[in-house]
Amino acid sequence: MVPETSEMLKQLLTLFQRVIIKGNRSVGGGFQTHDTATFVATGNGFIAKGITFRNTAGAASKQAVALLSTSDSGLYD
């Protein structure tokens, strides 16, 4: 887990034109649906620009979540 105030993460993401964050947790893998999220945005005002959140578990693995956001006033571009 990366702290929401991580300056290092902010700096790393600005180095790339396109970022893909992948995970493969699924209900079929023994997780609860909310625990399958590849990325969780909890900080208010979260901004994701040029980022793809992908869960690669596949349909055979049952339910899975790529992005779980509880952020108020989030922006996704």
N, C-alpha and C. Protein backbone atom coordinates (compact mmCIF):
# COMPACT_ATOMS: atom_id res chain seq x y z
N MET A 1 0.84 -1.18 0.00
CA MET A 1 0.00 0.00 0.00
C MET A 1 0.89 1.25 0.00
N VAL A 2 0.56 2.17 -0.87
CA VAL A 2 1.31 3.42 -0.98
C VAL A 2 0.50 4.52 -0.29
N PRO A 3 1.09 5.27 0.61
CA PRO A 3 0.36 6.36 1.26
C PRO A 3 -0.17 7.36 0.24
N GLU A 4 -1.35 7.90 0.52
CA GLU A 4 -1.98 8.83 -0.43
C GLU A 4 -1.19 10.10 -0.64
N THR A 5 -0.27 10.41 0.26
CA THR A 5 0.53 11.63 0.14
C THR A 5 1.93 11.34 -0.41
N SER A 6 2.11 10.19 -1.00
CA SER A 6 3.42 9.77 -1.46
C SER A 6 3.94 10.65 -2.61
N GLU A 7 4.92 11.49 -2.32
CA GLU A 7 5.54 12.34 -3.35
C GLU A 7 6.29 11.49 -4.35
N MET A 8 6.89 10.38 -3.89
CA MET A 8 7.63 9.50 -4.78
C MET A 8 6.70 8.94 -5.87
N LEU A 9 5.50 8.52 -5.48
CA LEU A 9 4.54 8.00 -6.46
C LEU A 9 4.16 9.08 -7.45
N LYS A 10 3.89 10.28 -6.99
CA LYS A 10 3.53 11.39 -7.88
C LYS A 10 4.64 11.66 -8.89
N GLN A 11 5.87 11.64 -8.44
CA GLN A 11 7.00 11.91 -9.32
C GLN A 11 7.18 10.79 -10.34
N LEU A 12 7.03 9.54 -9.91
CA LEU A 12 7.17 8.41 -10.84
C LEU A 12 6.11 8.44 -11.93
N LEU A 13 4.88 8.73 -11.57
CA LEU A 13 3.80 8.73 -12.54
C LEU A 13 3.94 9.85 -13.57
N THR A 14 4.60 10.95 -13.22
CA THR A 14 4.78 12.03 -14.18
C THR A 14 5.89 11.73 -15.19
N LEU A 15 6.69 10.71 -14.95
CA LEU A 15 7.76 10.34 -15.87
C LEU A 15 7.25 9.58 -17.10
N PHE A 16 6.07 9.01 -16.98
CA PHE A 16 5.55 8.15 -18.03
C PHE A 16 4.37 8.80 -18.74
N GLN A 17 4.28 8.54 -20.05
CA GLN A 17 3.14 9.03 -20.82
C GLN A 17 1.89 8.21 -20.51
N ARG A 18 2.06 6.92 -20.33
CA ARG A 18 0.93 6.02 -20.11
C ARG A 18 1.34 4.98 -19.08
N VAL A 19 0.53 4.82 -18.04
CA VAL A 19 0.82 3.87 -16.97
C VAL A 19 -0.30 2.85 -16.92
N ILE A 20 0.06 1.57 -16.82
CA ILE A 20 -0.92 0.50 -16.65
C ILE A 20 -0.60 -0.20 -15.34
N ILE A 21 -1.58 -0.21 -14.44
CA ILE A 21 -1.44 -0.88 -13.15
C ILE A 21 -2.30 -2.13 -13.22
N LYS A 22 -1.67 -3.31 -13.09
CA LYS A 22 -2.39 -4.57 -13.27
C LYS A 22 -2.39 -5.41 -11.99
N GLY A 23 -3.46 -6.15 -11.83
CA GLY A 23 -3.58 -7.12 -10.74
C GLY A 23 -4.44 -8.27 -11.22
N ASN A 24 -4.49 -9.36 -10.46
CA ASN A 24 -5.29 -10.51 -10.92
C ASN A 24 -6.06 -11.21 -9.79
N ARG A 25 -6.33 -10.52 -8.71
CA ARG A 25 -7.13 -11.12 -7.64
C ARG A 25 -8.58 -11.24 -8.09
N SER A 26 -9.25 -12.30 -7.61
CA SER A 26 -10.64 -12.52 -7.98
C SER A 26 -11.37 -13.29 -6.88
N VAL A 27 -12.70 -13.31 -7.00
CA VAL A 27 -13.52 -14.10 -6.08
C VAL A 27 -13.17 -15.58 -6.24
N GLY A 28 -12.95 -16.01 -7.48
CA GLY A 28 -12.56 -17.40 -7.74
C GLY A 28 -11.22 -17.76 -7.12
N GLY A 29 -10.40 -16.77 -6.83
CA GLY A 29 -9.10 -16.99 -6.19
C GLY A 29 -9.18 -16.97 -4.67
N GLY A 30 -10.41 -16.87 -4.14
CA GLY A 30 -10.59 -16.92 -2.69
C GLY A 30 -10.72 -15.59 -1.98
N PHE A 31 -10.84 -14.49 -2.72
CA PHE A 31 -10.95 -13.16 -2.13
C PHE A 31 -12.40 -12.70 -2.13
N GLN A 32 -12.76 -11.83 -1.19
CA GLN A 32 -14.05 -11.14 -1.24
C GLN A 32 -13.97 -10.11 -2.37
N THR A 33 -15.10 -9.78 -2.98
CA THR A 33 -15.10 -8.87 -4.13
C THR A 33 -14.34 -7.57 -3.85
N HIS A 34 -14.59 -6.93 -2.71
CA HIS A 34 -13.94 -5.65 -2.43
C HIS A 34 -12.43 -5.80 -2.20
N ASP A 35 -11.97 -7.01 -1.93
CA ASP A 35 -10.54 -7.25 -1.74
C ASP A 35 -9.81 -7.60 -3.04
N THR A 36 -10.53 -7.65 -4.16
CA THR A 36 -9.91 -7.98 -5.44
C THR A 36 -9.39 -6.75 -6.18
N ALA A 37 -9.67 -5.56 -5.65
CA ALA A 37 -9.32 -4.32 -6.36
C ALA A 37 -7.82 -4.23 -6.66
N THR A 38 -7.51 -3.94 -7.91
CA THR A 38 -6.13 -3.71 -8.32
C THR A 38 -5.61 -2.42 -7.73
N PHE A 39 -6.47 -1.40 -7.65
CA PHE A 39 -6.09 -0.09 -7.13
C PHE A 39 -7.25 0.46 -6.32
N VAL A 40 -6.96 1.03 -5.16
CA VAL A 40 -7.98 1.64 -4.31
C VAL A 40 -7.64 3.11 -4.11
N ALA A 41 -8.57 3.98 -4.50
CA ALA A 41 -8.39 5.43 -4.32
C ALA A 41 -9.26 5.86 -3.15
N THR A 42 -8.63 6.34 -2.06
CA THR A 42 -9.39 6.72 -0.88
C THR A 42 -9.27 8.21 -0.55
N GLY A 43 -8.29 8.88 -1.07
CA GLY A 43 -8.10 10.29 -0.74
C GLY A 43 -9.05 11.18 -1.51
N ASN A 44 -9.67 12.14 -0.85
CA ASN A 44 -10.56 13.08 -1.53
C ASN A 44 -9.78 13.89 -2.55
N GLY A 45 -10.41 14.09 -3.71
CA GLY A 45 -9.76 14.86 -4.77
C GLY A 45 -8.74 14.05 -5.56
N PHE A 46 -8.85 12.72 -5.54
CA PHE A 46 -7.91 11.87 -6.28
C PHE A 46 -8.01 12.16 -7.78
N ILE A 47 -6.87 12.28 -8.45
CA ILE A 47 -6.83 12.54 -9.89
C ILE A 47 -6.01 11.46 -10.57
N ALA A 48 -6.60 10.82 -11.58
CA ALA A 48 -5.89 9.82 -12.38
C ALA A 48 -5.91 10.29 -13.82
N LYS A 49 -4.75 10.58 -14.37
CA LYS A 49 -4.66 11.05 -15.74
C LYS A 49 -3.65 10.18 -16.49
N GLY A 50 -4.08 9.58 -17.58
CA GLY A 50 -3.19 8.74 -18.37
C GLY A 50 -2.84 7.43 -17.69
N ILE A 51 -3.73 6.93 -16.83
CA ILE A 51 -3.48 5.68 -16.11
C ILE A 51 -4.58 4.69 -16.44
N THR A 52 -4.20 3.45 -16.70
CA THR A 52 -5.15 2.36 -16.89
C THR A 52 -5.07 1.45 -15.69
N PHE A 53 -6.22 1.14 -15.11
CA PHE A 53 -6.31 0.19 -14.00
C PHE A 53 -6.94 -1.07 -14.57
N ARG A 54 -6.23 -2.20 -14.45
CA ARG A 54 -6.68 -3.42 -15.12
C ARG A 54 -6.61 -4.60 -14.16
N ASN A 55 -7.71 -5.37 -14.12
CA ASN A 55 -7.70 -6.64 -13.39
C ASN A 55 -7.74 -7.73 -14.45
N THR A 56 -6.74 -8.58 -14.48
CA THR A 56 -6.58 -9.58 -15.53
C THR A 56 -7.04 -10.97 -15.12
N ALA A 57 -7.84 -11.07 -14.07
CA ALA A 57 -8.27 -12.38 -13.57
C ALA A 57 -9.09 -13.15 -14.61
N GLY A 58 -9.91 -12.47 -15.39
CA GLY A 58 -10.69 -13.13 -16.43
C GLY A 58 -12.04 -13.64 -15.93
N ALA A 59 -12.94 -13.86 -16.87
CA ALA A 59 -14.32 -14.24 -16.55
C ALA A 59 -14.41 -15.57 -15.80
N ALA A 60 -13.56 -16.51 -16.09
CA ALA A 60 -13.60 -17.81 -15.42
C ALA A 60 -13.29 -17.71 -13.93
N SER A 61 -12.66 -16.62 -13.53
CA SER A 61 -12.30 -16.43 -12.12
C SER A 61 -13.38 -15.72 -11.33
N LYS A 62 -14.53 -15.53 -11.95
CA LYS A 62 -15.69 -14.87 -11.33
C LYS A 62 -15.44 -13.38 -11.15
N GLN A 63 -16.03 -12.77 -10.13
CA GLN A 63 -15.97 -11.32 -9.98
C GLN A 63 -14.57 -10.82 -9.64
N ALA A 64 -14.27 -9.61 -10.17
CA ALA A 64 -13.00 -8.95 -9.88
C ALA A 64 -13.18 -7.45 -10.11
N VAL A 65 -12.38 -6.65 -9.40
CA VAL A 65 -12.47 -5.20 -9.47
C VAL A 65 -11.13 -4.62 -9.92
N ALA A 66 -11.16 -3.73 -10.89
CA ALA A 66 -9.94 -3.06 -11.33
C ALA A 66 -9.68 -1.80 -10.51
N LEU A 67 -10.71 -0.96 -10.33
CA LEU A 67 -10.56 0.29 -9.59
C LEU A 67 -11.70 0.42 -8.58
N LEU A 68 -11.34 0.58 -7.33
CA LEU A 68 -12.31 0.84 -6.26
C LEU A 68 -12.04 2.23 -5.74
N SER A 69 -13.02 3.11 -5.90
CA SER A 69 -12.83 4.50 -5.48
C SER A 69 -13.87 4.90 -4.44
N THR A 70 -13.38 5.38 -3.31
CA THR A 70 -14.24 5.99 -2.30
C THR A 70 -13.90 7.47 -2.19
N SER A 71 -13.19 7.97 -3.16
CA SER A 71 -12.73 9.36 -3.19
C SER A 71 -13.89 10.29 -3.56
N ASP A 72 -14.05 11.34 -2.79
CA ASP A 72 -15.03 12.37 -3.11
C ASP A 72 -14.38 13.34 -4.10
N SER A 73 -15.08 13.71 -5.14
CA SER A 73 -14.59 14.65 -6.15
C SER A 73 -13.37 14.13 -6.89
N GLY A 74 -13.39 12.84 -7.26
CA GLY A 74 -12.29 12.27 -8.03
C GLY A 74 -12.40 12.65 -9.49
N LEU A 75 -11.27 12.64 -10.21
CA LEU A 75 -11.23 12.96 -11.63
C LEU A 75 -10.44 11.88 -12.35
N TYR A 76 -11.03 11.34 -13.40
CA TYR A 76 -10.39 10.28 -14.18
C TYR A 76 -10.36 10.72 -15.64
N ASP A 77 -9.16 10.79 -16.20
CA ASP A 77 -9.01 11.27 -17.57
C ASP A 77 -8.13 10.31 -18.33
